[in-house]
Protein backbone atom coordinates (compact mmCIF):
# COMPACT_ATOMS: atom_id res chain seq x y z
CA MET A 1 -58.90 -18.24 14.25
CA ALA A 2 -57.64 -20.40 16.60
CA ASP A 3 -54.95 -18.20 18.83
CA ALA A 4 -57.27 -15.38 19.55
CA ALA A 5 -59.63 -17.54 21.22
CA SER A 6 -56.69 -18.85 23.79
CA LYS A 7 -56.04 -15.19 24.09
CA GLY A 8 -59.43 -14.57 26.06
CA PRO A 9 -61.14 -11.20 26.30
CA ALA A 10 -58.91 -8.00 24.59
CA VAL A 11 -60.53 -5.09 26.54
CA PRO A 12 -61.01 -2.34 24.56
CA LEU A 13 -58.85 0.91 23.81
CA SER A 14 -60.13 4.43 24.64
CA ILE A 15 -59.84 6.63 21.27
CA ARG A 16 -57.10 8.29 23.65
CA GLU A 17 -54.78 5.69 24.28
CA LEU A 18 -54.73 4.06 20.10
CA PRO A 19 -50.74 3.37 18.98
CA GLU A 20 -49.79 5.20 15.83
CA ARG A 21 -50.86 2.43 14.07
CA GLY A 22 -51.65 -1.41 14.22
CA ARG A 23 -54.47 -3.47 15.00
CA VAL A 24 -56.86 -2.57 17.95
CA LEU A 25 -60.08 -3.62 19.98
CA CYS A 26 -61.50 0.43 20.86
CA ARG A 27 -64.20 1.48 22.20
CA GLY A 28 -66.78 5.35 21.33
CA PHE A 29 -69.35 6.85 20.34
CA ILE A 30 -70.12 8.36 16.39
CA GLU A 31 -69.75 12.24 16.93
CA ALA A 32 -70.79 12.69 13.11
CA VAL A 33 -71.49 10.61 10.04
CA THR A 34 -70.25 11.99 6.44
CA TYR A 35 -72.32 10.30 4.07
CA ALA A 36 -70.77 11.09 0.08
CA PRO A 37 -72.51 11.49 -3.10
CA ALA A 38 -73.51 9.76 -5.78
CA SER A 39 -71.32 10.86 -8.19
CA GLN A 40 -68.60 10.50 -5.67
CA VAL A 41 -66.89 6.81 -5.65
CA ALA A 42 -69.46 5.02 -2.01
CA ALA A 43 -67.82 5.01 1.33
CA PHE A 44 -69.55 5.83 4.35
CA THR A 45 -67.37 8.09 6.86
CA ALA A 46 -67.81 8.53 11.41
CA ILE A 47 -66.16 10.40 13.77
CA VAL A 48 -66.28 8.45 17.12
CA VAL A 49 -65.18 10.11 19.89
CA ASP A 50 -64.46 8.95 23.75
CA HIS A 51 -67.22 8.97 25.93
CA GLU A 52 -67.13 12.04 28.92
CA GLY A 53 -65.04 10.62 31.53
CA THR A 54 -63.62 7.34 30.18
CA PRO A 55 -60.38 6.75 32.20
CA VAL A 56 -56.73 6.53 30.12
CA ARG A 57 -54.79 3.61 31.23
CA ALA A 58 -51.77 5.14 29.49
CA LYS A 59 -50.74 7.81 26.48
CA PRO A 60 -49.55 6.54 23.26
CA ALA A 61 -46.42 7.11 22.67
CA GLY A 62 -44.99 9.18 19.41
CA ARG A 63 -47.72 11.49 18.81
CA ALA A 64 -50.31 14.01 20.27
CA SER A 65 -53.59 12.63 20.83
CA THR A 66 -56.56 14.09 19.61
CA GLY A 67 -59.54 11.85 21.45
CA ARG A 68 -61.05 11.39 17.82
CA LEU A 69 -60.84 8.31 15.38
CA ARG A 70 -62.36 8.66 11.90
CA VAL A 71 -63.04 5.96 10.59
CA ILE A 72 -64.10 4.98 7.00
CA TRP A 73 -66.37 1.86 4.74
CA LEU A 74 -65.02 1.53 1.86
CA GLY A 75 -67.65 0.58 -0.94
CA ARG A 76 -70.42 1.85 1.71
CA ARG A 77 -73.32 4.42 0.89
CA ARG A 78 -74.91 4.30 4.55
CA ILE A 79 -74.35 1.69 7.34
CA PRO A 80 -77.80 0.83 9.54
CA GLY A 81 -78.14 1.82 12.95
CA ILE A 82 -74.78 3.54 13.07
CA ALA A 83 -75.30 7.42 13.45
CA ALA A 84 -74.48 10.30 15.34
CA GLY A 85 -74.77 9.04 18.95
CA SER A 86 -74.37 5.50 18.61
CA GLU A 87 -71.82 3.96 20.57
CA LEU A 88 -69.05 1.08 18.69
CA ARG A 89 -67.01 -0.98 19.16
CA LEU A 90 -64.53 -1.42 16.21
CA ASP A 91 -62.19 -3.51 16.24
CA GLY A 92 -59.50 -3.47 12.71
CA MET A 93 -55.30 -1.81 11.64
CA VAL A 94 -55.12 1.88 13.44
CA THR A 95 -53.23 4.13 10.79
CA GLU A 96 -52.31 7.95 10.79
CA ARG A 97 -54.24 9.77 7.64
CA ASP A 98 -54.76 13.84 7.50
CA GLY A 99 -53.43 14.06 11.07
CA LEU A 100 -56.08 11.77 12.29
CA PRO A 101 -55.98 8.47 13.37
CA THR A 102 -58.23 6.24 10.55
CA MET A 103 -59.36 2.86 10.53
CA PHE A 104 -60.77 1.24 7.19
CA ASN A 105 -63.05 -1.49 6.70
CA PRO A 106 -63.52 -2.40 10.42
CA ARG A 107 -64.95 -4.69 12.82
CA TYR A 108 -68.15 -3.26 14.31
CA GLU A 109 -70.29 -4.14 17.01
CA ILE A 110 -73.24 -1.94 17.72
CA LEU A 111 -73.33 -1.29 21.19
CA SER A 112 -76.54 1.25 21.58
CA ARG A 113 -78.70 3.38 19.90
CA GLN A 114 -79.68 6.99 20.64
CA GLU A 115 -83.33 7.22 21.56
CA GLU A 116 -85.05 8.41 19.04
CA GLN A 117 -86.87 12.33 19.94
């Protein structure tokens, strides 16, 4: 814990900058959510994308960037406040799954929510 605090505030990466695997802090908007039916194992999935116009500092080596991140919370059927249009900051391990960078059970912070109409 002391080591993490001594490094100072980390700057979140854009979704397009994510490495192929490893621990990352990133930020993006939820494009879509998927609810698992009651007959399947509980898992809540969201697709996170960059905001239009997000500057890219460096292109990740080794793979073409899709600009999309799949986030899966195992054991959850829904998470209050997480819906299409919400902005999140995510902290977790990223890996490649079915051609998309994927995070399982990341720490998250809801930064904004889309207004109800």
